Amino acid sequence: MNKLKIFAATAVILFSAAAPVFAEGSTLDIDASIDTAVKESYEVKSAGISVKQAQNSYDQAVKNASSYADQLDEGGDNLDKYTKLTLMQGIANPPAEAKFSIYKYSNQGKVAENQVKLSAYTQYTALMNSRDDVELENQKFQNAGDNYKALQLKLKLGMASPADVKNAEVNYYSESSNLNRAERQYNIAVMKINKILGRNIYTKYDALLRDKLTESPYIRSYDDYVGDALKNRAEIANAAENINLRKFEYDVIRGIFPSKYDGMNQMGQYELNQAKDALDADKIDISVEINGLYNDLRNKSKMLDSKKDTFALAKRNYDAAGVKYNAGVISKMDFDSKAVDLKAAQNDLKAFQRDIWMAQIKLNLACGIGDDVSKIK
């Protein structure tokens, strides 16, 4: 019977700790929920509206081009260079600029989707950590309650002093306060994830379907990550497309003002050079960003073994305490104390593995099209 009791206690500690009662509700599947949140995101919808508006601008610009073309034909050789340029720009530039806007806002929509995902996953891992904290604090509270009751009984039997009982009472109410605080933090975390997912903030969950953690991270070379980012990021794609636009507009100017010493020619060249400089600046900014994210992932990964060792030590101590408790060498309070240590070590390890998972997500998104709409120009 004692062996069965120890085995059952181990299972409870490792997989659910004590049994805090979370408010009854639905099951939260974060991956499926994010898909819905992306579709309902204001930023995603806003980008979609901007794409449609840019498409309308393009259609109108194409229609307007015929009017400029008619004026150009009617004027013929009688038009001065500046008037010709104005008409040529009226024909060529608005459609090209509208096409660029369509491209830019399409990329912005994809970045907005990643922004929602990153925000949701960040809050979800915080929610998982908060849930684990509630379980740990509940376990401490249960232990404090058991100890308080045991000392009250011992006091009646003359085996404990009033001071012992008073200390146990103070500890009991202290742990009750800690549990209440942890539960409040959990409820706040639930409200935050609901807000991100576009749900009623008071929606409750009785189960969090998926954990998000990395037990053994795979890390590629820094150059691989930077190479992907400089190839995939929306800032780079938009900046490169902007260069094409400015070059096209410069070619229109050069058709009328071919001399590089002419003021109009120089203005067009200046705009093109500005676009090229912007691309170079984006490359530098993104490389610095990737370097920071890469180092964060590497540094966290280096510390993972230490966290695993700490958990393994706590598990050995717990197992040893189980043997002693089964043999009657140590008290239940001493055994419960090792159980709390084990749960605390497990929480710490899982929280760290979630941090690593998030570090990987941030790096992977940063090496894709990106995850920050504010960086889209």
Protein backbone atom coordinates (compact mmCIF):
# COMPACT_ATOMS: atom_id res chain seq x y z
CA MET A 1 0.00 0.00 0.00
CA ASN A 2 2.83 2.41 0.89
CA LYS A 3 4.57 1.75 -2.42
CA LEU A 4 1.35 2.42 -4.26
CA LYS A 5 0.97 5.66 -2.32
CA ILE A 6 4.47 6.80 -3.27
CA PHE A 7 3.97 5.91 -6.93
CA ALA A 8 0.67 7.78 -7.07
CA ALA A 9 2.19 10.82 -5.41
CA THR A 10 5.03 10.87 -7.94
CA ALA A 11 2.60 10.79 -10.84
CA VAL A 12 0.57 13.62 -9.37
CA ILE A 13 3.63 15.80 -8.84
CA LEU A 14 5.17 15.23 -12.25
CA PHE A 15 2.08 15.64 -14.34
CA SER A 16 -0.38 17.80 -12.47
CA ALA A 17 1.10 18.65 -9.08
CA ALA A 18 -1.78 19.20 -6.68
CA ALA A 19 -5.23 19.60 -8.09
CA PRO A 20 -6.19 23.29 -8.25
CA VAL A 21 -9.70 23.79 -9.51
CA PHE A 22 -9.60 26.02 -12.58
CA ALA A 23 -12.89 27.58 -13.63
CA GLU A 24 -14.89 25.27 -15.85
CA GLY A 25 -14.95 26.25 -19.49
CA SER A 26 -13.79 25.18 -22.90
CA THR A 27 -10.51 23.66 -24.04
CA LEU A 28 -8.01 26.15 -25.47
CA ASP A 29 -6.30 24.92 -28.64
CA ILE A 30 -3.89 27.77 -29.23
CA ASP A 31 -2.94 26.81 -32.79
CA ALA A 32 -6.53 26.63 -34.01
CA SER A 33 -7.41 29.76 -32.05
CA ILE A 34 -4.59 31.72 -33.66
CA ASP A 35 -5.86 30.88 -37.15
CA THR A 36 -9.20 32.45 -36.25
CA ALA A 37 -7.56 35.43 -34.52
CA VAL A 38 -5.47 36.15 -37.62
CA LYS A 39 -8.58 36.35 -39.80
CA GLU A 40 -10.25 38.72 -37.34
CA SER A 41 -7.17 40.87 -36.69
CA TYR A 42 -7.61 44.61 -37.24
CA GLU A 43 -4.10 44.92 -38.67
CA VAL A 44 -4.68 42.08 -41.14
CA LYS A 45 -8.04 43.48 -42.21
CA SER A 46 -6.57 46.97 -42.49
CA ALA A 47 -3.84 45.72 -44.81
CA GLY A 48 -6.45 43.95 -46.92
CA ILE A 49 -8.45 47.18 -47.23
CA SER A 50 -5.29 49.06 -48.23
CA VAL A 51 -4.62 46.48 -50.96
CA LYS A 52 -8.12 46.98 -52.36
CA GLN A 53 -7.75 50.76 -52.24
CA ALA A 54 -4.41 50.52 -54.04
CA GLN A 55 -6.00 48.29 -56.68
CA ASN A 56 -8.73 50.89 -57.18
CA SER A 57 -6.06 53.57 -57.49
CA TYR A 58 -4.29 51.48 -60.10
CA ASP A 59 -7.47 51.01 -62.12
CA GLN A 60 -8.19 54.74 -61.98
CA ALA A 61 -4.59 55.61 -62.90
CA VAL A 62 -4.79 53.40 -65.99
CA LYS A 63 -7.98 55.19 -67.05
CA ASN A 64 -6.44 58.60 -66.43
CA ALA A 65 -3.37 57.69 -68.48
CA SER A 66 -5.37 57.86 -71.71
CA SER A 67 -6.25 61.51 -71.01
CA TYR A 68 -2.58 62.40 -70.53
CA ALA A 69 -1.71 60.47 -73.68
CA ASP A 70 -4.28 62.45 -75.67
CA GLN A 71 -2.82 65.73 -74.43
CA LEU A 72 0.65 64.55 -75.34
CA ASP A 73 -0.47 63.63 -78.87
CA GLU A 74 -2.31 66.89 -79.35
CA GLY A 75 0.60 69.02 -78.19
CA GLY A 76 3.21 67.17 -80.20
CA ASP A 77 6.42 69.09 -80.82
CA ASN A 78 4.83 72.31 -79.60
CA LEU A 79 5.09 71.18 -75.98
CA ASP A 80 8.07 72.29 -73.92
CA LYS A 81 10.16 69.71 -72.07
CA TYR A 82 8.61 70.37 -68.67
CA THR A 83 5.07 69.96 -69.98
CA LYS A 84 6.08 66.78 -71.80
CA LEU A 85 7.62 65.42 -68.61
CA THR A 86 4.50 66.24 -66.62
CA LEU A 87 2.32 64.41 -69.13
CA MET A 88 4.70 61.45 -69.37
CA GLN A 89 4.78 61.18 -65.60
CA GLY A 90 0.98 61.36 -65.52
CA ILE A 91 0.85 58.41 -67.90
CA ALA A 92 3.56 56.24 -66.34
CA ASN A 93 4.01 57.04 -62.65
CA PRO A 94 0.56 56.66 -60.98
CA PRO A 95 -0.02 53.09 -62.23
CA ALA A 96 3.52 52.11 -61.22
CA GLU A 97 3.13 53.69 -57.78
CA ALA A 98 -0.23 51.98 -57.27
CA LYS A 99 1.27 48.61 -58.19
CA PHE A 100 4.02 49.23 -55.65
CA SER A 101 1.39 50.02 -53.01
CA ILE A 102 -0.43 46.77 -53.80
CA TYR A 103 2.84 44.88 -53.34
CA LYS A 104 3.74 46.72 -50.12
CA TYR A 105 0.35 46.30 -48.46
CA SER A 106 0.17 42.64 -49.47
CA ASN A 107 3.44 42.08 -47.64
CA GLN A 108 2.18 44.14 -44.72
CA GLY A 109 -0.80 41.81 -44.39
CA LYS A 110 1.50 38.80 -44.15
CA VAL A 111 3.62 40.55 -41.53
CA ALA A 112 0.47 41.42 -39.59
CA GLU A 113 -0.47 37.73 -39.52
CA ASN A 114 2.90 36.88 -37.98
CA GLN A 115 2.52 39.73 -35.51
CA VAL A 116 -0.73 38.23 -34.25
CA LYS A 117 0.89 34.80 -33.99
CA LEU A 118 3.88 36.11 -32.05
CA SER A 119 1.69 38.09 -29.66
CA ALA A 120 -0.58 35.10 -29.04
CA TYR A 121 2.23 32.61 -28.50
CA THR A 122 4.05 35.01 -26.18
CA GLN A 123 0.98 35.40 -23.99
CA TYR A 124 0.14 31.70 -24.22
CA THR A 125 3.52 30.64 -22.82
CA ALA A 126 3.01 33.18 -20.03
CA LEU A 127 -0.38 31.57 -19.40
CA MET A 128 1.21 28.11 -19.22
CA ASN A 129 3.78 29.38 -16.72
CA SER A 130 1.03 31.00 -14.67
CA ARG A 131 -0.95 27.77 -14.61
CA ASP A 132 2.11 25.90 -13.34
CA ASP A 133 2.58 28.55 -10.64
CA VAL A 134 -0.98 27.99 -9.44
CA GLU A 135 -0.36 24.24 -9.24
CA LEU A 136 2.82 24.77 -7.22
CA GLU A 137 1.24 27.28 -4.85
CA ASN A 138 -1.75 24.98 -4.39
CA GLN A 139 0.62 22.15 -3.48
CA LYS A 140 2.35 24.38 -0.92
CA PHE A 141 -1.02 25.45 0.47
CA GLN A 142 -2.20 21.85 0.83
CA ASN A 143 1.04 20.93 2.61
CA ALA A 144 0.73 23.91 4.94
CA GLY A 145 -2.85 22.92 5.73
CA ASP A 146 -1.90 19.33 6.45
CA ASN A 147 0.95 20.47 8.70
CA TYR A 148 -1.31 22.89 10.57
CA LYS A 149 -3.91 20.19 11.22
CA ALA A 150 -1.24 17.71 12.31
CA LEU A 151 0.25 20.16 14.82
CA GLN A 152 -3.18 20.99 16.21
CA LEU A 153 -3.67 17.29 16.91
CA LYS A 154 -0.18 16.99 18.41
CA LEU A 155 -0.91 19.97 20.66
CA LYS A 156 -3.89 18.11 22.12
CA LEU A 157 -1.65 15.10 22.69
CA GLY A 158 1.05 17.21 24.30
CA MET A 159 3.49 16.54 21.44
CA ALA A 160 3.68 20.13 20.14
CA SER A 161 3.86 23.57 21.71
CA PRO A 162 1.40 26.44 21.16
CA ALA A 163 4.25 28.32 19.42
CA ASP A 164 4.62 25.46 16.94
CA VAL A 165 0.90 25.61 16.16
CA LYS A 166 0.99 29.39 15.83
CA ASN A 167 3.88 29.24 13.37
CA ALA A 168 2.03 26.61 11.36
CA GLU A 169 -1.08 28.80 11.36
CA VAL A 170 0.88 31.82 10.11
CA ASN A 171 2.45 29.70 7.38
CA TYR A 172 -0.97 28.33 6.40
CA TYR A 173 -2.48 31.78 5.90
CA SER A 174 0.67 32.97 4.15
CA GLU A 175 0.44 30.11 1.66
CA SER A 176 -3.28 30.84 1.24
CA SER A 177 -2.38 34.41 0.30
CA ASN A 178 0.28 33.19 -2.14
CA LEU A 179 -2.21 30.84 -3.78
CA ASN A 180 -4.80 33.60 -4.12
CA ARG A 181 -2.20 35.86 -5.72
CA ALA A 182 -1.15 33.13 -8.17
CA GLU A 183 -4.79 32.49 -9.10
CA ARG A 184 -5.35 36.21 -9.72
CA GLN A 185 -2.29 36.30 -11.97
CA TYR A 186 -3.59 33.28 -13.85
CA ASN A 187 -6.99 34.90 -14.35
CA ILE A 188 -5.30 38.04 -15.66
CA ALA A 189 -3.23 35.92 -18.05
CA VAL A 190 -6.44 34.28 -19.31
CA MET A 191 -8.00 37.68 -19.94
CA LYS A 192 -4.93 38.81 -21.86
CA ILE A 193 -4.90 35.77 -24.15
CA ASN A 194 -8.64 36.18 -24.73
CA LYS A 195 -8.11 39.79 -25.76
CA ILE A 196 -5.40 38.80 -28.23
CA LEU A 197 -7.58 36.02 -29.64
CA GLY A 198 -10.52 38.38 -30.03
CA ARG A 199 -12.70 36.54 -27.52
CA ASN A 200 -14.75 37.63 -24.55
CA ILE A 201 -12.10 38.37 -21.93
CA TYR A 202 -14.08 36.45 -19.31
CA THR A 203 -13.97 33.19 -21.27
CA LYS A 204 -12.64 30.41 -19.03
CA TYR A 205 -10.70 27.26 -19.91
CA ASP A 206 -10.56 23.98 -18.06
CA ALA A 207 -7.72 22.68 -20.22
CA LEU A 208 -4.83 24.12 -22.21
CA LEU A 209 -4.50 21.63 -25.04
CA ARG A 210 -0.91 22.13 -26.19
CA ASP A 211 2.28 23.00 -24.39
CA LYS A 212 4.89 24.98 -26.29
CA LEU A 213 8.39 24.03 -25.27
CA THR A 214 11.67 22.86 -26.76
CA GLU A 215 13.59 20.07 -25.08
CA SER A 216 16.58 19.95 -27.47
CA PRO A 217 16.85 23.04 -29.69
CA TYR A 218 18.34 22.80 -33.18
CA ILE A 219 20.31 25.91 -34.08
CA ARG A 220 21.66 26.65 -37.54
CA SER A 221 24.61 28.91 -38.28
CA TYR A 222 24.26 32.67 -37.88
CA ASP A 223 25.01 33.18 -41.57
CA ASP A 224 22.12 30.88 -42.51
CA TYR A 225 19.69 32.90 -40.43
CA VAL A 226 20.92 36.25 -41.74
CA GLY A 227 20.85 34.96 -45.30
CA ASP A 228 17.22 33.90 -44.93
CA ALA A 229 16.23 37.21 -43.35
CA LEU A 230 17.88 39.31 -46.06
CA LYS A 231 16.08 37.21 -48.65
CA ASN A 232 12.64 36.97 -47.06
CA ARG A 233 11.92 40.07 -45.00
CA ALA A 234 9.16 42.39 -46.15
CA GLU A 235 11.36 45.43 -45.52
CA ILE A 236 13.94 44.09 -47.98
CA ALA A 237 11.37 43.08 -50.58
CA ASN A 238 9.59 46.42 -50.35
CA ALA A 239 12.83 48.39 -50.46
CA ALA A 240 14.01 46.45 -53.54
CA GLU A 241 10.67 47.04 -55.24
CA ASN A 242 10.88 50.72 -54.34
CA ILE A 243 14.26 50.87 -56.08
CA ASN A 244 12.64 49.41 -59.19
CA LEU A 245 9.91 52.04 -58.97
CA ARG A 246 12.37 54.91 -58.55
CA LYS A 247 14.49 53.60 -61.41
CA PHE A 248 11.40 53.44 -63.62
CA GLU A 249 10.47 57.01 -62.69
CA TYR A 250 14.06 58.13 -63.27
CA ASP A 251 14.01 56.55 -66.72
CA VAL A 252 10.90 58.60 -67.53
CA ILE A 253 12.80 61.75 -66.54
CA ARG A 254 15.89 60.73 -68.50
CA GLY A 255 13.75 60.31 -71.60
CA ILE A 256 13.12 64.05 -71.53
CA PHE A 257 16.19 65.29 -69.64
CA PRO A 258 19.04 62.89 -70.53
CA SER A 259 21.87 65.06 -69.19
CA LYS A 260 22.98 64.13 -65.69
CA TYR A 261 23.76 67.81 -65.13
CA ASP A 262 20.17 68.87 -65.61
CA GLY A 263 18.22 69.71 -62.46
CA MET A 264 15.29 67.40 -63.24
CA ASN A 265 17.67 64.55 -64.01
CA GLN A 266 19.49 65.12 -60.73
CA MET A 267 16.23 65.11 -58.78
CA GLY A 268 15.34 61.74 -60.27
CA GLN A 269 18.82 60.39 -59.54
CA TYR A 270 18.55 61.65 -55.96
CA GLU A 271 15.28 59.78 -55.38
CA LEU A 272 16.84 56.61 -56.79
CA ASN A 273 19.91 56.96 -54.58
CA GLN A 274 17.70 57.53 -51.55
CA ALA A 275 15.87 54.29 -52.28
CA LYS A 276 19.17 52.42 -52.56
CA ASP A 277 20.40 53.91 -49.28
CA ALA A 278 17.16 52.85 -47.59
CA LEU A 279 17.72 49.25 -48.71
CA ASP A 280 21.27 49.29 -47.33
CA ALA A 281 19.99 50.68 -44.01
CA ASP A 282 17.32 47.97 -43.83
CA LYS A 283 19.95 45.29 -44.39
CA ILE A 284 22.04 46.64 -41.52
CA ASP A 285 19.07 46.93 -39.16
CA ILE A 286 17.88 43.41 -39.94
CA SER A 287 21.37 41.92 -39.52
CA VAL A 288 21.64 43.56 -36.09
CA GLU A 289 18.18 42.28 -35.16
CA ILE A 290 19.01 38.72 -36.21
CA ASN A 291 22.29 38.86 -34.31
CA GLY A 292 20.43 39.75 -31.10
CA LEU A 293 17.82 37.03 -31.55
CA TYR A 294 20.45 34.46 -32.49
CA ASN A 295 22.59 35.22 -29.44
CA ASP A 296 19.52 35.08 -27.20
CA LEU A 297 18.66 31.60 -28.48
CA ARG A 298 22.23 30.35 -28.17
CA ASN A 299 22.68 31.70 -24.65
CA LYS A 300 19.42 30.18 -23.46
CA SER A 301 20.28 26.84 -25.06
CA LYS A 302 23.64 26.76 -23.27
CA MET A 303 21.85 27.04 -19.91
CA LEU A 304 19.36 24.26 -20.64
CA ASP A 305 21.56 21.41 -19.41
CA SER A 306 21.96 23.14 -16.06
CA LYS A 307 18.18 23.37 -15.69
CA LYS A 308 17.83 19.70 -16.58
CA ASP A 309 20.49 18.77 -14.02
CA THR A 310 18.67 20.73 -11.32
CA PHE A 311 15.44 18.90 -12.11
CA ALA A 312 17.22 15.53 -12.15
CA LEU A 313 18.72 16.26 -8.73
CA ALA A 314 15.32 17.23 -7.34
CA LYS A 315 13.88 14.00 -8.75
CA ARG A 316 16.61 11.91 -7.10
CA ASN A 317 16.06 13.67 -3.79
CA TYR A 318 12.34 13.08 -4.07
CA ASP A 319 12.81 9.40 -4.88
CA ALA A 320 15.21 9.00 -1.95
CA ALA A 321 12.73 10.74 0.33
CA GLY A 322 10.04 8.38 -0.89
CA VAL A 323 12.11 5.39 0.16
CA LYS A 324 12.75 6.92 3.59
CA TYR A 325 9.11 7.85 4.06
CA ASN A 326 8.02 4.36 3.07
CA ALA A 327 10.41 2.97 5.68
CA GLY A 328 9.14 5.37 8.34
CA VAL A 329 12.47 7.20 8.62
CA ILE A 330 11.16 10.68 7.73
CA SER A 331 7.84 12.41 8.32
CA LYS A 332 5.18 13.13 5.75
CA MET A 333 5.99 16.83 6.08
CA ASP A 334 9.60 16.15 5.08
CA PHE A 335 8.46 14.01 2.17
CA ASP A 336 5.97 16.67 1.03
CA SER A 337 8.75 19.25 1.17
CA LYS A 338 10.78 17.25 -1.37
CA ALA A 339 7.67 16.95 -3.52
CA VAL A 340 7.38 20.74 -3.57
CA ASP A 341 11.06 21.04 -4.48
CA LEU A 342 10.50 18.63 -7.37
CA LYS A 343 7.48 20.55 -8.64
CA ALA A 344 9.38 23.85 -8.40
CA ALA A 345 12.30 22.41 -10.37
CA GLN A 346 9.92 21.03 -12.97
CA ASN A 347 8.20 24.41 -13.33
CA ASP A 348 11.54 26.14 -13.69
CA LEU A 349 12.67 23.70 -16.39
CA LYS A 350 9.41 23.94 -18.33
CA ALA A 351 9.38 27.73 -18.15
CA PHE A 352 12.92 27.78 -19.50
CA GLN A 353 12.05 25.35 -22.29
CA ARG A 354 9.13 27.61 -23.21
CA ASP A 355 11.52 30.56 -23.29
CA ILE A 356 13.70 28.65 -25.73
CA TRP A 357 10.68 27.75 -27.85
CA MET A 358 9.71 31.42 -27.97
CA ALA A 359 13.28 32.41 -28.84
CA GLN A 360 13.13 30.00 -31.78
CA ILE A 361 9.74 31.36 -32.88
CA LYS A 362 11.01 34.95 -32.77
CA LEU A 363 14.12 34.06 -34.75
CA ASN A 364 12.22 32.02 -37.33
CA LEU A 365 9.62 34.75 -37.87
CA ALA A 366 12.36 37.36 -38.12
CA CYS A 367 14.05 35.24 -40.80
CA GLY A 368 10.80 35.00 -42.72
CA ILE A 369 8.69 37.91 -43.90
CA GLY A 370 8.81 39.48 -40.42
CA ASP A 371 6.46 40.07 -37.50
CA ASP A 372 6.39 43.83 -36.84
CA VAL A 373 4.03 45.96 -38.92
CA SER A 374 5.60 49.17 -37.58
CA LYS A 375 8.77 48.38 -39.55
CA ILE A 376 6.93 48.38 -42.88
CA LYS A 377 7.51 51.69 -44.65
